[in-house]
N, C-alpha and C. Protein backbone atom coordinates (compact mmCIF):
# COMPACT_ATOMS: atom_id res chain seq x y z
N MET A 1 -14.46 2.38 -6.74
CA MET A 1 -13.49 2.34 -5.63
C MET A 1 -13.25 0.86 -5.27
N ILE A 2 -12.00 0.54 -5.04
CA ILE A 2 -11.67 -0.84 -4.68
C ILE A 2 -11.55 -0.94 -3.17
N GLY A 3 -11.65 -2.18 -2.67
CA GLY A 3 -11.48 -2.42 -1.26
C GLY A 3 -10.04 -2.19 -0.83
N MET A 4 -9.85 -1.85 0.41
CA MET A 4 -8.50 -1.57 0.93
C MET A 4 -8.11 -2.76 1.82
N THR A 5 -7.45 -3.72 1.22
CA THR A 5 -6.92 -4.86 1.96
C THR A 5 -5.65 -4.40 2.69
N GLU A 6 -5.16 -5.23 3.58
CA GLU A 6 -3.91 -4.93 4.26
C GLU A 6 -2.78 -4.80 3.25
N ALA A 7 -2.73 -5.70 2.30
CA ALA A 7 -1.70 -5.65 1.26
C ALA A 7 -1.77 -4.34 0.46
N THR A 8 -3.01 -4.00 0.06
CA THR A 8 -3.20 -2.77 -0.70
C THR A 8 -2.75 -1.54 0.11
N TYR A 9 -3.14 -1.52 1.36
CA TYR A 9 -2.75 -0.42 2.24
C TYR A 9 -1.24 -0.26 2.30
N PHE A 10 -0.52 -1.34 2.51
CA PHE A 10 0.93 -1.24 2.63
C PHE A 10 1.62 -1.03 1.31
N ILE A 11 1.03 -1.45 0.20
CA ILE A 11 1.59 -1.10 -1.13
C ILE A 11 1.54 0.40 -1.30
N LEU A 12 0.37 0.97 -1.02
CA LEU A 12 0.20 2.43 -1.15
C LEU A 12 1.13 3.17 -0.19
N ALA A 13 1.20 2.67 1.05
CA ALA A 13 2.09 3.32 2.04
C ALA A 13 3.53 3.25 1.59
N ALA A 14 3.92 2.15 0.95
CA ALA A 14 5.29 2.01 0.47
C ALA A 14 5.63 3.05 -0.59
N LEU A 15 4.63 3.43 -1.36
CA LEU A 15 4.86 4.39 -2.44
C LEU A 15 4.73 5.85 -2.02
N MET A 16 4.42 6.10 -0.77
CA MET A 16 4.21 7.48 -0.31
C MET A 16 5.50 8.33 -0.40
N GLU A 17 6.66 7.72 -0.22
CA GLU A 17 7.91 8.47 -0.19
C GLU A 17 8.51 8.72 -1.55
N GLU A 18 8.42 7.73 -2.47
CA GLU A 18 9.03 7.86 -3.77
C GLU A 18 8.54 6.72 -4.65
N PRO A 19 8.66 6.87 -5.98
CA PRO A 19 8.35 5.77 -6.87
C PRO A 19 9.30 4.60 -6.61
N LEU A 20 8.78 3.38 -6.71
CA LEU A 20 9.57 2.16 -6.47
C LEU A 20 9.24 1.13 -7.52
N HIS A 21 10.21 0.24 -7.77
CA HIS A 21 9.94 -0.95 -8.60
C HIS A 21 9.40 -2.05 -7.72
N GLY A 22 8.97 -3.12 -8.33
CA GLY A 22 8.30 -4.20 -7.61
C GLY A 22 9.03 -4.68 -6.38
N TYR A 23 10.30 -5.07 -6.50
CA TYR A 23 11.03 -5.60 -5.35
C TYR A 23 11.16 -4.51 -4.27
N GLY A 24 11.33 -3.26 -4.67
CA GLY A 24 11.40 -2.16 -3.72
C GLY A 24 10.10 -2.01 -2.94
N ILE A 25 8.96 -2.20 -3.62
CA ILE A 25 7.67 -2.12 -2.96
C ILE A 25 7.54 -3.24 -1.94
N ILE A 26 7.94 -4.45 -2.34
CA ILE A 26 7.85 -5.61 -1.44
C ILE A 26 8.70 -5.35 -0.20
N LYS A 27 9.92 -4.89 -0.36
CA LYS A 27 10.80 -4.60 0.82
C LYS A 27 10.23 -3.51 1.69
N ARG A 28 9.78 -2.42 1.08
CA ARG A 28 9.27 -1.29 1.89
C ARG A 28 7.97 -1.66 2.60
N ALA A 29 7.09 -2.42 1.94
CA ALA A 29 5.84 -2.84 2.59
C ALA A 29 6.16 -3.75 3.79
N ARG A 30 7.15 -4.62 3.63
CA ARG A 30 7.56 -5.49 4.77
C ARG A 30 8.07 -4.64 5.91
N THR A 31 8.88 -3.65 5.62
CA THR A 31 9.45 -2.77 6.65
C THR A 31 8.35 -1.94 7.32
N LYS A 32 7.51 -1.34 6.53
CA LYS A 32 6.43 -0.46 7.09
C LYS A 32 5.44 -1.24 7.94
N SER A 33 5.25 -2.52 7.58
CA SER A 33 4.29 -3.34 8.33
C SER A 33 4.98 -4.09 9.48
N LEU A 34 6.24 -3.76 9.75
CA LEU A 34 7.02 -4.40 10.81
C LEU A 34 7.06 -5.94 10.60
N GLY A 35 7.19 -6.32 9.33
CA GLY A 35 7.31 -7.72 9.00
C GLY A 35 6.01 -8.47 8.86
N GLU A 36 4.88 -7.80 9.07
CA GLU A 36 3.57 -8.46 9.01
C GLU A 36 3.13 -8.78 7.59
N VAL A 37 3.53 -7.93 6.64
CA VAL A 37 3.09 -8.11 5.26
C VAL A 37 4.28 -8.53 4.41
N ASP A 38 4.22 -9.74 3.86
CA ASP A 38 5.29 -10.24 3.00
C ASP A 38 4.62 -10.59 1.68
N LEU A 39 4.66 -9.68 0.73
CA LEU A 39 3.94 -9.81 -0.52
C LEU A 39 4.63 -10.78 -1.47
N ALA A 40 3.84 -11.68 -2.05
CA ALA A 40 4.33 -12.52 -3.13
C ALA A 40 4.32 -11.69 -4.40
N VAL A 41 5.20 -12.03 -5.33
CA VAL A 41 5.29 -11.25 -6.57
C VAL A 41 3.95 -11.21 -7.31
N GLY A 42 3.30 -12.36 -7.42
CA GLY A 42 2.02 -12.41 -8.12
C GLY A 42 0.96 -11.55 -7.45
N THR A 43 0.95 -11.58 -6.11
CA THR A 43 0.01 -10.75 -5.36
C THR A 43 0.29 -9.28 -5.61
N LEU A 44 1.54 -8.90 -5.60
CA LEU A 44 1.92 -7.50 -5.81
C LEU A 44 1.44 -7.01 -7.18
N TYR A 45 1.75 -7.73 -8.23
CA TYR A 45 1.41 -7.25 -9.55
C TYR A 45 -0.08 -7.27 -9.84
N SER A 46 -0.80 -8.23 -9.27
CA SER A 46 -2.29 -8.21 -9.37
C SER A 46 -2.82 -6.99 -8.66
N ALA A 47 -2.29 -6.69 -7.47
CA ALA A 47 -2.73 -5.50 -6.71
C ALA A 47 -2.38 -4.24 -7.49
N LEU A 48 -1.19 -4.16 -8.04
CA LEU A 48 -0.79 -2.97 -8.80
C LEU A 48 -1.70 -2.77 -10.00
N ASP A 49 -2.14 -3.85 -10.66
CA ASP A 49 -3.08 -3.72 -11.76
C ASP A 49 -4.41 -3.11 -11.28
N ARG A 50 -4.91 -3.63 -10.14
CA ARG A 50 -6.19 -3.12 -9.59
C ARG A 50 -6.03 -1.67 -9.15
N LEU A 51 -4.89 -1.35 -8.51
CA LEU A 51 -4.67 0.02 -8.05
C LEU A 51 -4.54 0.99 -9.24
N SER A 52 -3.93 0.51 -10.30
CA SER A 52 -3.80 1.34 -11.51
C SER A 52 -5.20 1.57 -12.15
N GLU A 53 -6.02 0.53 -12.22
CA GLU A 53 -7.36 0.68 -12.74
C GLU A 53 -8.19 1.65 -11.92
N ALA A 54 -7.95 1.65 -10.60
CA ALA A 54 -8.69 2.54 -9.69
C ALA A 54 -8.14 3.98 -9.74
N GLY A 55 -6.98 4.14 -10.39
CA GLY A 55 -6.39 5.49 -10.46
C GLY A 55 -5.56 5.84 -9.22
N TRP A 56 -5.20 4.85 -8.41
CA TRP A 56 -4.46 5.11 -7.17
C TRP A 56 -2.95 5.02 -7.36
N VAL A 57 -2.49 4.30 -8.41
CA VAL A 57 -1.07 4.28 -8.77
C VAL A 57 -0.98 4.40 -10.28
N ARG A 58 0.19 4.76 -10.72
CA ARG A 58 0.46 4.79 -12.15
C ARG A 58 1.92 4.40 -12.41
N LEU A 59 2.17 3.96 -13.60
CA LEU A 59 3.54 3.65 -13.98
C LEU A 59 4.31 4.95 -14.10
N ASP A 60 5.41 5.03 -13.39
CA ASP A 60 6.25 6.23 -13.36
C ASP A 60 7.28 6.21 -14.50
N ARG A 61 7.96 5.08 -14.62
CA ARG A 61 8.98 4.94 -15.66
C ARG A 61 9.42 3.50 -15.78
N GLU A 62 10.10 3.18 -16.85
CA GLU A 62 10.69 1.87 -17.03
C GLU A 62 12.17 2.02 -17.30
N GLU A 63 12.95 1.12 -16.72
CA GLU A 63 14.38 1.06 -16.98
C GLU A 63 14.71 -0.37 -17.35
N THR A 64 15.83 -0.54 -18.04
CA THR A 64 16.32 -1.88 -18.29
C THR A 64 17.54 -2.13 -17.42
N VAL A 65 17.47 -3.20 -16.62
CA VAL A 65 18.55 -3.52 -15.71
C VAL A 65 18.93 -5.02 -16.04
N ASN A 66 20.17 -5.21 -16.40
CA ASN A 66 20.65 -6.56 -16.79
C ASN A 66 19.75 -7.19 -17.83
N GLY A 67 19.32 -6.39 -18.79
CA GLY A 67 18.51 -6.85 -19.90
C GLY A 67 17.05 -7.10 -19.59
N ARG A 68 16.63 -6.76 -18.38
CA ARG A 68 15.24 -6.98 -17.97
C ARG A 68 14.56 -5.65 -17.65
N PRO A 69 13.32 -5.52 -18.07
CA PRO A 69 12.62 -4.25 -17.76
C PRO A 69 12.30 -4.15 -16.26
N ARG A 70 12.49 -2.99 -15.74
CA ARG A 70 12.14 -2.70 -14.34
C ARG A 70 11.16 -1.54 -14.37
N ARG A 71 9.96 -1.79 -13.87
CA ARG A 71 8.92 -0.78 -13.87
C ARG A 71 8.83 -0.14 -12.50
N TYR A 72 8.81 1.18 -12.50
CA TYR A 72 8.63 1.96 -11.27
C TYR A 72 7.21 2.47 -11.20
N TYR A 73 6.61 2.40 -10.03
CA TYR A 73 5.26 2.83 -9.82
C TYR A 73 5.24 4.04 -8.89
N ARG A 74 4.24 4.93 -9.12
CA ARG A 74 4.09 6.15 -8.34
C ARG A 74 2.64 6.17 -7.81
N ILE A 75 2.48 6.60 -6.58
CA ILE A 75 1.13 6.79 -6.03
C ILE A 75 0.57 8.10 -6.60
N THR A 76 -0.71 8.10 -6.91
CA THR A 76 -1.38 9.31 -7.42
C THR A 76 -1.95 10.12 -6.23
N ASP A 77 -2.44 11.32 -6.53
CA ASP A 77 -3.11 12.10 -5.51
C ASP A 77 -4.33 11.36 -4.95
N ASP A 78 -5.07 10.68 -5.81
CA ASP A 78 -6.22 9.91 -5.33
C ASP A 78 -5.78 8.76 -4.43
N GLY A 79 -4.63 8.15 -4.77
CA GLY A 79 -4.08 7.08 -3.94
C GLY A 79 -3.68 7.58 -2.57
N VAL A 80 -3.05 8.76 -2.55
CA VAL A 80 -2.65 9.36 -1.27
C VAL A 80 -3.89 9.61 -0.42
N HIS A 81 -4.91 10.17 -1.04
CA HIS A 81 -6.19 10.44 -0.33
C HIS A 81 -6.77 9.14 0.19
N ALA A 82 -6.78 8.09 -0.62
CA ALA A 82 -7.37 6.80 -0.19
C ALA A 82 -6.61 6.19 0.98
N VAL A 83 -5.29 6.17 0.93
CA VAL A 83 -4.53 5.54 2.00
C VAL A 83 -4.58 6.37 3.28
N ARG A 84 -4.63 7.67 3.14
CA ARG A 84 -4.77 8.51 4.35
C ARG A 84 -6.15 8.34 4.98
N ALA A 85 -7.18 8.23 4.12
CA ALA A 85 -8.53 8.03 4.66
C ALA A 85 -8.61 6.67 5.40
N GLN A 86 -7.96 5.66 4.82
CA GLN A 86 -7.95 4.34 5.50
C GLN A 86 -7.20 4.41 6.80
N ALA A 87 -6.07 5.11 6.83
CA ALA A 87 -5.30 5.27 8.07
C ALA A 87 -6.15 5.95 9.15
N ALA A 88 -6.91 6.95 8.77
CA ALA A 88 -7.76 7.66 9.73
C ALA A 88 -8.86 6.75 10.24
N ARG A 89 -9.46 5.92 9.34
CA ARG A 89 -10.48 4.96 9.77
C ARG A 89 -9.91 3.95 10.77
N MET A 90 -8.72 3.46 10.46
CA MET A 90 -8.08 2.50 11.37
C MET A 90 -7.73 3.12 12.69
N GLN A 91 -7.32 4.38 12.67
CA GLN A 91 -6.98 5.07 13.93
C GLN A 91 -8.23 5.24 14.78
N ARG A 92 -9.34 5.63 14.15
CA ARG A 92 -10.61 5.77 14.90
C ARG A 92 -11.07 4.43 15.46
N ALA A 93 -10.97 3.40 14.69
CA ALA A 93 -11.38 2.06 15.13
C ALA A 93 -10.49 1.58 16.29
N ALA A 94 -9.22 1.80 16.18
CA ALA A 94 -8.30 1.40 17.24
C ALA A 94 -8.57 2.20 18.54
N ALA A 95 -8.88 3.46 18.40
CA ALA A 95 -9.18 4.28 19.58
C ALA A 95 -10.40 3.76 20.31
N LEU A 96 -11.39 3.27 19.59
CA LEU A 96 -12.60 2.72 20.21
C LEU A 96 -12.26 1.49 21.04
N VAL A 97 -11.38 0.65 20.52
CA VAL A 97 -11.07 -0.59 21.19
C VAL A 97 -10.07 -0.37 22.31
N LEU A 98 -9.14 0.52 22.13
CA LEU A 98 -8.06 0.72 23.10
C LEU A 98 -8.41 1.62 24.28
N ARG A 99 -9.48 2.38 24.16
CA ARG A 99 -9.83 3.23 25.26
C ARG A 99 -10.30 2.40 26.47
N PRO A 100 -10.19 2.95 27.66
CA PRO A 100 -10.65 2.20 28.84
C PRO A 100 -12.10 1.76 28.69
N GLY A 101 -12.34 0.51 28.93
CA GLY A 101 -13.70 -0.03 28.78
C GLY A 101 -14.07 -0.34 27.37
N GLY A 102 -13.19 -0.10 26.42
CA GLY A 102 -13.49 -0.29 25.02
C GLY A 102 -13.79 -1.74 24.68
N ALA A 103 -13.10 -2.67 25.28
CA ALA A 103 -13.30 -4.06 24.95
C ALA A 103 -14.64 -4.57 25.49
N THR A 104 -15.13 -4.01 26.59
CA THR A 104 -16.38 -4.48 27.19
C THR A 104 -17.52 -3.54 26.93
N GLY A 105 -17.23 -2.39 26.37
CA GLY A 105 -18.29 -1.43 26.06
C GLY A 105 -18.60 -0.54 27.23
N GLY A 106 -17.84 -0.60 28.33
CA GLY A 106 -18.04 0.39 29.35
C GLY A 106 -18.19 -0.16 30.71
């Protein structure tokens, strides 16, 4: 299992709705993170390689656009499980901090 960085989380979240190509993932991750995550191309493809090795994403298809290959990636069932588990962990952690007295412990 790989670590779930913020970038990894938003890459997986970006793929929850449909398969996307690299630029589509970058745009959707930026939107879903409310502008907080702005992935560099190198960062994206390194992360996609790690996510693929972990079994969390897979290549969906390739198309040629203007003579250049465009690869579309799809989240796997394991990837959906991983990103949902991370979302639940973050929700629990946020609830601890945001409840009354959470910052001071009571």
